[in-house]
């Protein structure tokens, strides 16, 4: 069963520090390869901390582990991931002449896989 969500990729301090240390470092990869989900959504969907999900957007698909967002950080129906390779796979390439593809408010389908 899949459910629709809005994905908000963004910067985090750990992701920013990881860029200067190297994109193959544990700190950078640990920050950019885990999806944050509102605790209410995790409970409702029966997804455990560290469980794996599949995310599909109009342009790509990824599988990754989840973690519960801190209470009050994300409203139900909204997901967060730090900018990186995973988030880039879900973004379109059209820049609409701005030089930057749309990277916020991506419509995605989430499916529990483990």
PDB file of N, CA and C in Angstrom:
ATOM      1  N   UNK A   1       0.834  -1.174   0.000  1.00  0.00           N
ATOM      2  CA  UNK A   1       0.000   0.000   0.000  1.00  0.00           C
ATOM      3  C   UNK A   1       0.887   1.249   0.000  1.00  0.00           C
ATOM      4  N   UNK A   2       0.565   2.190  -0.866  1.00  0.00           N
ATOM      5  CA  UNK A   2       1.317   3.444  -0.924  1.00  0.00           C
ATOM      6  C   UNK A   2       0.456   4.589  -0.419  1.00  0.00           C
ATOM      7  N   UNK A   3       1.138   5.623   0.016  1.00  0.00           N
ATOM      8  CA  UNK A   3       0.447   6.818   0.494  1.00  0.00           C
ATOM      9  C   UNK A   3       1.196   8.043  -0.006  1.00  0.00           C
ATOM     10  N   UNK A   4       0.470   9.090  -0.332  1.00  0.00           N
ATOM     11  CA  UNK A   4       1.075  10.314  -0.857  1.00  0.00           C
ATOM     12  C   UNK A   4       1.545  11.230   0.275  1.00  0.00           C
ATOM     13  N   UNK A   5       2.708  11.827   0.045  1.00  0.00           N
ATOM     14  CA  UNK A   5       3.306  12.768   0.985  1.00  0.00           C
ATOM     15  C   UNK A   5       3.927  13.915   0.201  1.00  0.00           C
ATOM     16  N   UNK A   6       4.322  14.946   0.920  1.00  0.00           N
ATOM     17  CA  UNK A   6       5.111  16.051   0.361  1.00  0.00           C
ATOM     18  C   UNK A   6       6.518  15.920   0.937  1.00  0.00           C
ATOM     19  N   UNK A   7       7.519  15.870   0.062  1.00  0.00           N
ATOM     20  CA  UNK A   7       8.917  15.770   0.478  1.00  0.00           C
ATOM     21  C   UNK A   7       9.562  17.147   0.418  1.00  0.00           C
ATOM     22  N   UNK A   8      10.209  17.513   1.526  1.00  0.00           N
ATOM     23  CA  UNK A   8      10.926  18.782   1.617  1.00  0.00           C
ATOM     24  C   UNK A   8      12.412  18.482   1.835  1.00  0.00           C
ATOM     25  N   UNK A   9      13.218  18.439   0.774  1.00  0.00           N
ATOM     26  CA  UNK A   9      14.663  18.322   0.968  1.00  0.00           C
ATOM     27  C   UNK A   9      15.222  19.656   1.464  1.00  0.00           C
ATOM     28  N   UNK A  10      16.298  19.598   2.226  1.00  0.00           N
ATOM     29  CA  UNK A  10      16.889  20.834   2.722  1.00  0.00           C
ATOM     30  C   UNK A  10      18.272  20.617   3.291  1.00  0.00           C
ATOM     31  N   UNK A  11      18.859  21.675   3.734  1.00  0.00           N
ATOM     32  CA  UNK A  11      20.199  21.624   4.327  1.00  0.00           C
ATOM     33  C   UNK A  11      20.095  21.357   5.826  1.00  0.00           C
ATOM     34  N   UNK A  12      21.099  20.677   6.350  1.00  0.00           N
ATOM     35  CA  UNK A  12      21.253  20.508   7.792  1.00  0.00           C
ATOM     36  C   UNK A  12      22.699  20.835   8.143  1.00  0.00           C
ATOM     37  N   UNK A  13      22.971  21.098   9.399  1.00  0.00           N
ATOM     38  CA  UNK A  13      24.350  21.409   9.784  1.00  0.00           C
ATOM     39  C   UNK A  13      25.258  20.199   9.585  1.00  0.00           C
ATOM     40  N   UNK A  14      24.766  18.989   9.890  1.00  0.00           N
ATOM     41  CA  UNK A  14      25.591  17.782   9.680  1.00  0.00           C
ATOM     42  C   UNK A  14      25.882  17.568   8.198  1.00  0.00           C
ATOM     43  N   UNK A  15      24.903  17.814   7.357  1.00  0.00           N
ATOM     44  CA  UNK A  15      25.099  17.666   5.917  1.00  0.00           C
ATOM     45  C   UNK A  15      26.105  18.705   5.432  1.00  0.00           C
ATOM     46  N   UNK A  16      25.987  19.931   5.915  1.00  0.00           N
ATOM     47  CA  UNK A  16      26.908  20.991   5.522  1.00  0.00           C
ATOM     48  C   UNK A  16      28.341  20.702   5.935  1.00  0.00           C
ATOM     49  N   UNK A  17      28.529  20.225   7.163  1.00  0.00           N
ATOM     50  CA  UNK A  17      29.875  19.855   7.629  1.00  0.00           C
ATOM     51  C   UNK A  17      30.404  18.674   6.831  1.00  0.00           C
ATOM     52  N   UNK A  18      29.517  17.746   6.516  1.00  0.00           N
ATOM     53  CA  UNK A  18      29.919  16.564   5.758  1.00  0.00           C
ATOM     54  C   UNK A  18      30.443  16.894   4.380  1.00  0.00           C
ATOM     55  N   UNK A  19      29.885  17.932   3.760  1.00  0.00           N
ATOM     56  CA  UNK A  19      30.363  18.332   2.437  1.00  0.00           C
ATOM     57  C   UNK A  19      31.844  18.681   2.501  1.00  0.00           C
ATOM     58  N   UNK A  20      32.259  19.427   3.538  1.00  0.00           N
ATOM     59  CA  UNK A  20      33.663  19.825   3.634  1.00  0.00           C
ATOM     60  C   UNK A  20      34.568  18.663   4.026  1.00  0.00           C
ATOM     61  N   UNK A  21      34.004  17.655   4.697  1.00  0.00           N
ATOM     62  CA  UNK A  21      34.794  16.482   5.092  1.00  0.00           C
ATOM     63  C   UNK A  21      34.847  15.440   3.990  1.00  0.00           C
ATOM     64  N   UNK A  22      33.882  15.456   3.101  1.00  0.00           N
ATOM     65  CA  UNK A  22      33.838  14.513   1.990  1.00  0.00           C
ATOM     66  C   UNK A  22      32.499  13.806   1.912  1.00  0.00           C
ATOM     67  N   UNK A  23      31.986  13.700   0.710  1.00  0.00           N
ATOM     68  CA  UNK A  23      30.661  13.115   0.521  1.00  0.00           C
ATOM     69  C   UNK A  23      30.622  11.606   0.716  1.00  0.00           C
ATOM     70  N   UNK A  24      31.770  10.975   0.873  1.00  0.00           N
ATOM     71  CA  UNK A  24      31.777   9.531   1.133  1.00  0.00           C
ATOM     72  C   UNK A  24      31.993   9.227   2.616  1.00  0.00           C
ATOM     73  N   UNK A  25      32.015  10.268   3.457  1.00  0.00           N
ATOM     74  CA  UNK A  25      32.227  10.047   4.886  1.00  0.00           C
ATOM     75  C   UNK A  25      30.951   9.551   5.553  1.00  0.00           C
ATOM     76  N   UNK A  26      31.133   8.870   6.663  1.00  0.00           N
ATOM     77  CA  UNK A  26      30.007   8.320   7.418  1.00  0.00           C
ATOM     78  C   UNK A  26      29.032   9.413   7.857  1.00  0.00           C
ATOM     79  N   UNK A  27      29.555  10.544   8.289  1.00  0.00           N
ATOM     80  CA  UNK A  27      28.695  11.631   8.747  1.00  0.00           C
ATOM     81  C   UNK A  27      27.797  12.170   7.646  1.00  0.00           C
ATOM     82  N   UNK A  28      28.380  12.394   6.473  1.00  0.00           N
ATOM     83  CA  UNK A  28      27.597  12.921   5.355  1.00  0.00           C
ATOM     84  C   UNK A  28      26.571  11.896   4.886  1.00  0.00           C
ATOM     85  N   UNK A  29      27.008  10.670   4.672  1.00  0.00           N
ATOM     86  CA  UNK A  29      26.087   9.634   4.193  1.00  0.00           C
ATOM     87  C   UNK A  29      24.996   9.347   5.213  1.00  0.00           C
ATOM     88  N   UNK A  30      25.352   9.341   6.494  1.00  0.00           N
ATOM     89  CA  UNK A  30      24.356   9.102   7.530  1.00  0.00           C
ATOM     90  C   UNK A  30      23.283  10.170   7.565  1.00  0.00           C
ATOM     91  N   UNK A  31      23.644  11.374   7.206  1.00  0.00           N
ATOM     92  CA  UNK A  31      22.685  12.481   7.229  1.00  0.00           C
ATOM     93  C   UNK A  31      21.839  12.548   5.963  1.00  0.00           C
ATOM     94  N   UNK A  32      22.406  12.164   4.830  1.00  0.00           N
ATOM     95  CA  UNK A  32      21.711  12.366   3.548  1.00  0.00           C
ATOM     96  C   UNK A  32      20.998  11.130   3.023  1.00  0.00           C
ATOM     97  N   UNK A  33      21.047  10.038   3.756  1.00  0.00           N
ATOM     98  CA  UNK A  33      20.431   8.797   3.261  1.00  0.00           C
ATOM     99  C   UNK A  33      19.338   8.266   4.173  1.00  0.00           C
ATOM    100  N   UNK A  34      18.863   9.085   5.100  1.00  0.00           N
ATOM    101  CA  UNK A  34      17.800   8.676   6.029  1.00  0.00           C
ATOM    102  C   UNK A  34      16.645   9.666   5.911  1.00  0.00           C
ATOM    103  N   UNK A  35      15.445   9.134   5.775  1.00  0.00           N
ATOM    104  CA  UNK A  35      14.240   9.944   5.624  1.00  0.00           C
ATOM    105  C   UNK A  35      13.634  10.227   6.987  1.00  0.00           C
ATOM    106  N   UNK A  36      13.338  11.490   7.264  1.00  0.00           N
ATOM    107  CA  UNK A  36      12.660  11.856   8.510  1.00  0.00           C
ATOM    108  C   UNK A  36      11.153  11.892   8.265  1.00  0.00           C
ATOM    109  N   UNK A  37      10.415  11.234   9.163  1.00  0.00           N
ATOM    110  CA  UNK A  37       8.964  11.103   9.051  1.00  0.00           C
ATOM    111  C   UNK A  37       8.341  11.546  10.372  1.00  0.00           C
ATOM    112  N   UNK A  38       7.210  12.222  10.301  1.00  0.00           N
ATOM    113  CA  UNK A  38       6.501  12.631  11.521  1.00  0.00           C
ATOM    114  C   UNK A  38       6.154  11.391  12.343  1.00  0.00           C
ATOM    115  N   UNK A  39       6.354  11.434  13.661  1.00  0.00           N
ATOM    116  CA  UNK A  39       6.048  10.273  14.508  1.00  0.00           C
ATOM    117  C   UNK A  39       4.618   9.761  14.320  1.00  0.00           C
ATOM    118  N   UNK A  40       3.674  10.674  14.094  1.00  0.00           N
ATOM    119  CA  UNK A  40       2.281  10.259  13.891  1.00  0.00           C
ATOM    120  C   UNK A  40       2.134   9.405  12.634  1.00  0.00           C
ATOM    121  N   UNK A  41       2.871   9.752  11.574  1.00  0.00           N
ATOM    122  CA  UNK A  41       2.807   8.974  10.336  1.00  0.00           C
ATOM    123  C   UNK A  41       3.469   7.614  10.513  1.00  0.00           C
ATOM    124  N   UNK A  42       4.598   7.571  11.230  1.00  0.00           N
ATOM    125  CA  UNK A  42       5.244   6.278  11.487  1.00  0.00           C
ATOM    126  C   UNK A  42       4.295   5.345  12.217  1.00  0.00           C
ATOM    127  N   UNK A  43       3.647   5.852  13.255  1.00  0.00           N
ATOM    128  CA  UNK A  43       2.732   5.026  14.048  1.00  0.00           C
ATOM    129  C   UNK A  43       1.544   4.573  13.209  1.00  0.00           C
ATOM    130  N   UNK A  44       0.962   5.483  12.462  1.00  0.00           N
ATOM    131  CA  UNK A  44      -0.220   5.164  11.660  1.00  0.00           C
ATOM    132  C   UNK A  44       0.079   4.119  10.594  1.00  0.00           C
ATOM    133  N   UNK A  45       1.284   4.190   9.999  1.00  0.00           N
ATOM    134  CA  UNK A  45       1.658   3.267   8.931  1.00  0.00           C
ATOM    135  C   UNK A  45       2.330   1.999   9.447  1.00  0.00           C
ATOM    136  N   UNK A  46       2.577   1.933  10.751  1.00  0.00           N
ATOM    137  CA  UNK A  46       3.218   0.753  11.327  1.00  0.00           C
ATOM    138  C   UNK A  46       4.664   0.584  10.899  1.00  0.00           C
ATOM    139  N   UNK A  47       5.370   1.697  10.757  1.00  0.00           N
ATOM    140  CA  UNK A  47       6.776   1.662  10.353  1.00  0.00           C
ATOM    141  C   UNK A  47       7.639   1.906  11.584  1.00  0.00           C
ATOM    142  N   UNK A  48       8.552   0.983  11.844  1.00  0.00           N
ATOM    143  CA  UNK A  48       9.443   1.096  12.997  1.00  0.00           C
ATOM    144  C   UNK A  48      10.633   1.998  12.671  1.00  0.00           C
ATOM    145  N   UNK A  49      11.224   2.562  13.705  1.00  0.00           N
ATOM    146  CA  UNK A  49      12.465   3.325  13.570  1.00  0.00           C
ATOM    147  C   UNK A  49      13.480   2.449  12.841  1.00  0.00           C
ATOM    148  N   UNK A  50      14.080   2.958  11.776  1.00  0.00           N
ATOM    149  CA  UNK A  50      15.041   2.193  10.992  1.00  0.00           C
ATOM    150  C   UNK A  50      14.410   1.328   9.918  1.00  0.00           C
ATOM    151  N   UNK A  51      13.072   1.274   9.891  1.00  0.00           N
ATOM    152  CA  UNK A  51      12.389   0.517   8.840  1.00  0.00           C
ATOM    153  C   UNK A  51      12.699   1.109   7.474  1.00  0.00           C
ATOM    154  N   UNK A  52      12.506   0.321   6.448  1.00  0.00           N
ATOM    155  CA  UNK A  52      12.815   0.777   5.087  1.00  0.00           C
ATOM    156  C   UNK A  52      11.540   1.075   4.311  1.00  0.00           C
ATOM    157  N   UNK A  53      11.647   2.126   3.488  1.00  0.00           N
ATOM    158  CA  UNK A  53      10.524   2.525   2.643  1.00  0.00           C
ATOM    159  C   UNK A  53      11.021   2.765   1.220  1.00  0.00           C
ATOM    160  N   UNK A  54      10.081   2.754   0.308  1.00  0.00           N
ATOM    161  CA  UNK A  54      10.338   3.131  -1.081  1.00  0.00           C
ATOM    162  C   UNK A  54       9.625   4.461  -1.309  1.00  0.00           C
ATOM    163  N   UNK A  55      10.341   5.414  -1.874  1.00  0.00           N
ATOM    164  CA  UNK A  55       9.756   6.706  -2.248  1.00  0.00           C
ATOM    165  C   UNK A  55       9.776   6.808  -3.762  1.00  0.00           C
ATOM    166  N   UNK A  56       8.652   7.225  -4.331  1.00  0.00           N
ATOM    167  CA  UNK A  56       8.562   7.445  -5.772  1.00  0.00           C
ATOM    168  C   UNK A  56       8.095   8.877  -6.022  1.00  0.00           C
ATOM    169  N   UNK A  57       8.774   9.528  -6.945  1.00  0.00           N
ATOM    170  CA  UNK A  57       8.326  10.839  -7.419  1.00  0.00           C
ATOM    171  C   UNK A  57       8.067  10.696  -8.913  1.00  0.00           C
ATOM    172  N   UNK A  58       7.707  11.778  -9.558  1.00  0.00           N
ATOM    173  CA  UNK A  58       7.473  11.735 -11.002  1.00  0.00           C
ATOM    174  C   UNK A  58       8.755  11.440 -11.775  1.00  0.00           C
ATOM    175  N   UNK A  59       9.917  11.647 -11.141  1.00  0.00           N
ATOM    176  CA  UNK A  59      11.180  11.492 -11.868  1.00  0.00           C
ATOM    177  C   UNK A  59      12.096  10.399 -11.344  1.00  0.00           C
ATOM    178  N   UNK A  60      11.789   9.791 -10.217  1.00  0.00           N
ATOM    179  CA  UNK A  60      12.697   8.782  -9.698  1.00  0.00           C
ATOM    180  C   UNK A  60      12.118   7.986  -8.554  1.00  0.00           C
ATOM    181  N   UNK A  61      12.911   7.018  -8.118  1.00  0.00           N
ATOM    182  CA  UNK A  61      12.507   6.122  -7.034  1.00  0.00           C
ATOM    183  C   UNK A  61      13.740   5.769  -6.212  1.00  0.00           C
ATOM    184  N   UNK A  62      13.589   5.720  -4.893  1.00  0.00           N
ATOM    185  CA  UNK A  62      14.682   5.347  -3.998  1.00  0.00           C
ATOM    186  C   UNK A  62      14.143   4.466  -2.882  1.00  0.00           C
ATOM    187  N   UNK A  63      15.024   3.692  -2.269  1.00  0.00           N
ATOM    188  CA  UNK A  63      14.699   2.925  -1.067  1.00  0.00           C
ATOM    189  C   UNK A  63      15.663   3.366   0.015  1.00  0.00           C
ATOM    190  N   UNK A  64      15.130   3.614   1.216  1.00  0.00           N
ATOM    191  CA  UNK A  64      15.968   4.133   2.287  1.00  0.00           C
ATOM    192  C   UNK A  64      15.328   3.884   3.645  1.00  0.00           C
ATOM    193  N   UNK A  65      16.143   3.962   4.717  1.00  0.00           N
ATOM    194  CA  UNK A  65      15.601   3.806   6.071  1.00  0.00           C
ATOM    195  C   UNK A  65      14.946   5.096   6.545  1.00  0.00           C
ATOM    196  N   UNK A  66      14.099   4.954   7.558  1.00  0.00           N
ATOM    197  CA  UNK A  66      13.405   6.113   8.121  1.00  0.00           C
ATOM    198  C   UNK A  66      13.791   6.317   9.576  1.00  0.00           C
ATOM    199  N   UNK A  67      13.616   7.544  10.017  1.00  0.00           N
ATOM    200  CA  UNK A  67      13.751   7.886  11.425  1.00  0.00           C
ATOM    201  C   UNK A  67      12.611   8.832  11.774  1.00  0.00           C
ATOM    202  N   UNK A  68      12.205   8.786  13.014  1.00  0.00           N
ATOM    203  CA  UNK A  68      11.157   9.698  13.451  1.00  0.00           C
ATOM    204  C   UNK A  68      11.710  11.094  13.650  1.00  0.00           C
ATOM    205  N   UNK A  69      11.022  12.077  13.112  1.00  0.00           N
ATOM    206  CA  UNK A  69      11.410  13.471  13.339  1.00  0.00           C
ATOM    207  C   UNK A  69      11.146  13.814  14.800  1.00  0.00           C
ATOM    208  N   UNK A  70      11.845  14.794  15.316  1.00  0.00           N
ATOM    209  CA  UNK A  70      11.587  15.255  16.683  1.00  0.00           C
ATOM    210  C   UNK A  70      10.163  15.783  16.762  1.00  0.00           C
ATOM    211  N   UNK A  71       9.544  15.598  17.915  1.00  0.00           N
ATOM    212  CA  UNK A  71       8.158  16.034  18.110  1.00  0.00           C
ATOM    213  C   UNK A  71       7.994  17.497  17.706  1.00  0.00           C
ATOM    214  N   UNK A  72       7.013  17.768  16.864  1.00  0.00           N
ATOM    215  CA  UNK A  72       6.719  19.123  16.441  1.00  0.00           C
ATOM    216  C   UNK A  72       7.536  19.643  15.274  1.00  0.00           C
ATOM    217  N   UNK A  73       8.546  18.889  14.809  1.00  0.00           N
ATOM    218  CA  UNK A  73       9.381  19.368  13.702  1.00  0.00           C
ATOM    219  C   UNK A  73       8.717  19.212  12.344  1.00  0.00           C
ATOM    220  N   UNK A  74       7.969  18.130  12.151  1.00  0.00           N
ATOM    221  CA  UNK A  74       7.306  17.881  10.871  1.00  0.00           C
ATOM    222  C   UNK A  74       5.828  17.634  11.103  1.00  0.00           C
ATOM    223  N   UNK A  75       4.974  18.284  10.345  1.00  0.00           N
ATOM    224  CA  UNK A  75       3.553  17.956  10.458  1.00  0.00           C
ATOM    225  C   UNK A  75       3.276  16.637   9.738  1.00  0.00           C
ATOM    226  N   UNK A  76       2.236  15.926  10.130  1.00  0.00           N
ATOM    227  CA  UNK A  76       1.869  14.714   9.398  1.00  0.00           C
ATOM    228  C   UNK A  76       1.675  15.036   7.914  1.00  0.00           C
ATOM    229  N   UNK A  77       2.128  14.116   7.071  1.00  0.00           N
ATOM    230  CA  UNK A  77       1.989  14.294   5.627  1.00  0.00           C
ATOM    231  C   UNK A  77       3.175  14.944   4.958  1.00  0.00           C
ATOM    232  N   UNK A  78       4.172  15.370   5.762  1.00  0.00           N
ATOM    233  CA  UNK A  78       5.367  16.018   5.223  1.00  0.00           C
ATOM    234  C   UNK A  78       6.588  15.201   5.626  1.00  0.00           C
ATOM    235  N   UNK A  79       7.485  14.971   4.672  1.00  0.00           N
ATOM    236  CA  UNK A  79       8.721  14.221   4.897  1.00  0.00           C
ATOM    237  C   UNK A  79       9.904  15.160   4.706  1.00  0.00           C
ATOM    238  N   UNK A  80      11.049  14.824   5.332  1.00  0.00           N
ATOM    239  CA  UNK A  80      12.262  15.626   5.175  1.00  0.00           C
ATOM    240  C   UNK A  80      13.444  14.712   4.931  1.00  0.00           C
ATOM    241  N   UNK A  81      14.327  15.157   4.026  1.00  0.00           N
ATOM    242  CA  UNK A  81      15.623  14.508   3.834  1.00  0.00           C
ATOM    243  C   UNK A  81      16.643  15.599   3.526  1.00  0.00           C
ATOM    244  N   UNK A  82      17.851  15.427   4.047  1.00  0.00           N
ATOM    245  CA  UNK A  82      18.920  16.385   3.763  1.00  0.00           C
ATOM    246  C   UNK A  82      19.341  16.243   2.303  1.00  0.00           C
ATOM    247  N   UNK A  83      19.698  17.387   1.697  1.00  0.00           N
ATOM    248  CA  UNK A  83      20.166  17.369   0.313  1.00  0.00           C
ATOM    249  C   UNK A  83      21.319  16.387   0.152  1.00  0.00           C
ATOM    250  N   UNK A  84      21.303  15.646  -0.940  1.00  0.00           N
ATOM    251  CA  UNK A  84      22.354  14.697  -1.260  1.00  0.00           C
ATOM    252  C   UNK A  84      21.939  13.890  -2.472  1.00  0.00           C
ATOM    253  N   UNK A  85      22.643  12.800  -2.702  1.00  0.00           N
ATOM    254  CA  UNK A  85      22.375  11.956  -3.864  1.00  0.00           C
ATOM    255  C   UNK A  85      20.939  11.438  -3.875  1.00  0.00           C
ATOM    256  N   UNK A  86      20.453  10.975  -2.724  1.00  0.00           N
ATOM    257  CA  UNK A  86      19.101  10.403  -2.654  1.00  0.00           C
ATOM    258  C   UNK A  86      18.053  11.450  -3.021  1.00  0.00           C
ATOM    259  N   UNK A  87      18.130  12.627  -2.426  1.00  0.00           N
ATOM    260  CA  UNK A  87      17.124  13.657  -2.729  1.00  0.00           C
ATOM    261  C   UNK A  87      17.210  14.092  -4.192  1.00  0.00           C
ATOM    262  N   UNK A  88      18.405  14.118  -4.749  1.00  0.00           N
ATOM    263  CA  UNK A  88      18.569  14.527  -6.148  1.00  0.00           C
ATOM    264  C   UNK A  88      17.887  13.560  -7.107  1.00  0.00           C
ATOM    265  N   UNK A  89      17.830  12.295  -6.749  1.00  0.00           N
ATOM    266  CA  UNK A  89      17.176  11.305  -7.619  1.00  0.00           C
ATOM    267  C   UNK A  89      15.667  11.525  -7.717  1.00  0.00           C
ATOM    268  N   UNK A  90      15.114  12.263  -6.769  1.00  0.00           N
ATOM    269  CA  UNK A  90      13.669  12.489  -6.746  1.00  0.00           C
ATOM    270  C   UNK A  90      13.266  13.833  -7.346  1.00  0.00           C
ATOM    271  N   UNK A  91      14.249  14.675  -7.663  1.00  0.00           N
ATOM    272  CA  UNK A  91      13.978  16.003  -8.225  1.00  0.00           C
ATOM    273  C   UNK A  91      13.963  15.930  -9.744  1.00  0.00           C
ATOM    274  N   UNK A  92      13.153  16.764 -10.349  1.00  0.00           N
ATOM    275  CA  UNK A  92      13.168  16.884 -11.801  1.00  0.00           C
ATOM    276  C   UNK A  92      14.375  17.688 -12.246  1.00  0.00           C
ATOM    277  N   UNK A  93      14.603  17.719 -13.552  1.00  0.00           N
ATOM    278  CA  UNK A  93      15.748  18.463 -14.072  1.00  0.00           C
ATOM    279  C   UNK A  93      15.358  19.810 -14.663  1.00  0.00           C
ATOM    280  N   UNK A  94      14.071  20.074 -14.816  1.00  0.00           N
ATOM    281  CA  UNK A  94      13.623  21.336 -15.396  1.00  0.00           C
ATOM    282  C   UNK A  94      13.880  22.483 -14.422  1.00  0.00           C
ATOM    283  N   UNK A  95      14.619  23.469 -14.882  1.00  0.00           N
ATOM    284  CA  UNK A  95      14.930  24.624 -14.033  1.00  0.00           C
ATOM    285  C   UNK A  95      13.989  25.800 -14.274  1.00  0.00           C
ATOM    286  N   UNK A  96      13.116  25.687 -15.261  1.00  0.00           N
ATOM    287  CA  UNK A  96      12.205  26.782 -15.613  1.00  0.00           C
ATOM    288  C   UNK A  96      12.972  28.092 -15.783  1.00  0.00           C
ATOM    289  N   UNK A  97      14.153  27.986 -16.405  1.00  0.00           N
ATOM    290  CA  UNK A  97      15.036  29.112 -16.725  1.00  0.00           C
ATOM    291  C   UNK A  97      15.638  29.787 -15.497  1.00  0.00           C
ATOM    292  N   UNK A  98      15.556  29.144 -14.333  1.00  0.00           N
ATOM    293  CA  UNK A  98      16.120  29.743 -13.119  1.00  0.00           C
ATOM    294  C   UNK A  98      17.536  29.258 -12.832  1.00  0.00           C
ATOM    295  N   UNK A  99      17.945  28.157 -13.465  1.00  0.00           N
ATOM    296  CA  UNK A  99      19.245  27.571 -13.195  1.00  0.00           C
ATOM    297  C   UNK A  99      19.238  26.588 -12.042  1.00  0.00           C
ATOM    298  N   UNK A 100      18.106  26.453 -11.360  1.00  0.00           N
ATOM    299  CA  UNK A 100      17.984  25.543 -10.211  1.00  0.00           C
ATOM    300  C   UNK A 100      16.685  24.758 -10.342  1.00  0.00           C
ATOM    301  N   UNK A 101      16.764  23.419 -10.332  1.00  0.00           N
ATOM    302  CA  UNK A 101      15.522  22.646 -10.426  1.00  0.00           C
ATOM    303  C   UNK A 101      14.673  22.806  -9.164  1.00  0.00           C
ATOM    304  N   UNK A 102      13.392  22.583  -9.314  1.00  0.00           N
ATOM    305  CA  UNK A 102      12.494  22.642  -8.165  1.00  0.00           C
ATOM    306  C   UNK A 102      12.913  21.571  -7.172  1.00  0.00           C
ATOM    307  N   UNK A 103      13.206  21.991  -5.948  1.00  0.00           N
ATOM    308  CA  UNK A 103      13.709  21.033  -4.964  1.00  0.00           C
ATOM    309  C   UNK A 103      12.929  21.057  -3.657  1.00  0.00           C
ATOM    310  N   UNK A 104      11.821  21.729  -3.633  1.00  0.00           N
ATOM    311  CA  UNK A 104      10.994  21.790  -2.420  1.00  0.00           C
ATOM    312  C   UNK A 104       9.574  21.375  -2.783  1.00  0.00           C
ATOM    313  N   UNK A 105       8.896  20.764  -1.849  1.00  0.00           N
ATOM    314  CA  UNK A 105       7.497  20.414  -2.071  1.00  0.00           C
ATOM    315  C   UNK A 105       7.297  19.377  -3.152  1.00  0.00           C
ATOM    316  N   UNK A 106       8.100  18.323  -3.139  1.00  0.00           N
ATOM    317  CA  UNK A 106       8.014  17.272  -4.152  1.00  0.00           C
ATOM    318  C   UNK A 106       6.918  16.283  -3.761  1.00  0.00           C
ATOM    319  N   UNK A 107       5.983  16.038  -4.670  1.00  0.00           N
ATOM    320  CA  UNK A 107       4.951  15.023  -4.436  1.00  0.00           C
ATOM    321  C   UNK A 107       5.589  13.647  -4.550  1.00  0.00           C
ATOM    322  N   UNK A 108       5.435  12.833  -3.507  1.00  0.00           N
ATOM    323  CA  UNK A 108       5.996  11.482  -3.511  1.00  0.00           C
ATOM    324  C   UNK A 108       4.969  10.483  -2.997  1.00  0.00           C
ATOM    325  N   UNK A 109       5.180   9.231  -3.372  1.00  0.00           N
ATOM    326  CA  UNK A 109       4.426   8.120  -2.807  1.00  0.00           C
ATOM    327  C   UNK A 109       5.373   7.335  -1.922  1.00  0.00           C
ATOM    328  N   UNK A 110       4.940   7.011  -0.729  1.00  0.00           N
ATOM    329  CA  UNK A 110       5.737   6.253   0.230  1.00  0.00           C
ATOM    330  C   UNK A 110       5.132   4.865   0.372  1.00  0.00           C
ATOM    331  N   UNK A 111       5.991   3.856   0.312  1.00  0.00           N
ATOM    332  CA  UNK A 111       5.563   2.470   0.479  1.00  0.00           C
ATOM    333  C   UNK A 111       6.471   1.782   1.491  1.00  0.00           C
ATOM    334  N   UNK A 112       5.901   1.177   2.494  1.00  0.00           N
ATOM    335  CA  UNK A 112       6.674   0.416   3.484  1.00  0.00           C
ATOM    336  C   UNK A 112       7.171  -0.857   2.814  1.00  0.00           C
ATOM    337  N   UNK A 113       8.491  -1.135   2.945  1.00  0.00           N
ATOM    338  CA  UNK A 113       9.026  -2.365   2.358  1.00  0.00           C
ATOM    339  C   UNK A 113       9.660  -3.277   3.397  1.00  0.00           C
ATOM    340  N   UNK A 114       9.984  -2.773   4.572  1.00  0.00           N
ATOM    341  CA  UNK A 114      10.537  -3.634   5.632  1.00  0.00           C
ATOM    342  C   UNK A 114      10.395  -2.955   6.976  1.00  0.00           C
TER     343      UNK A 114
END
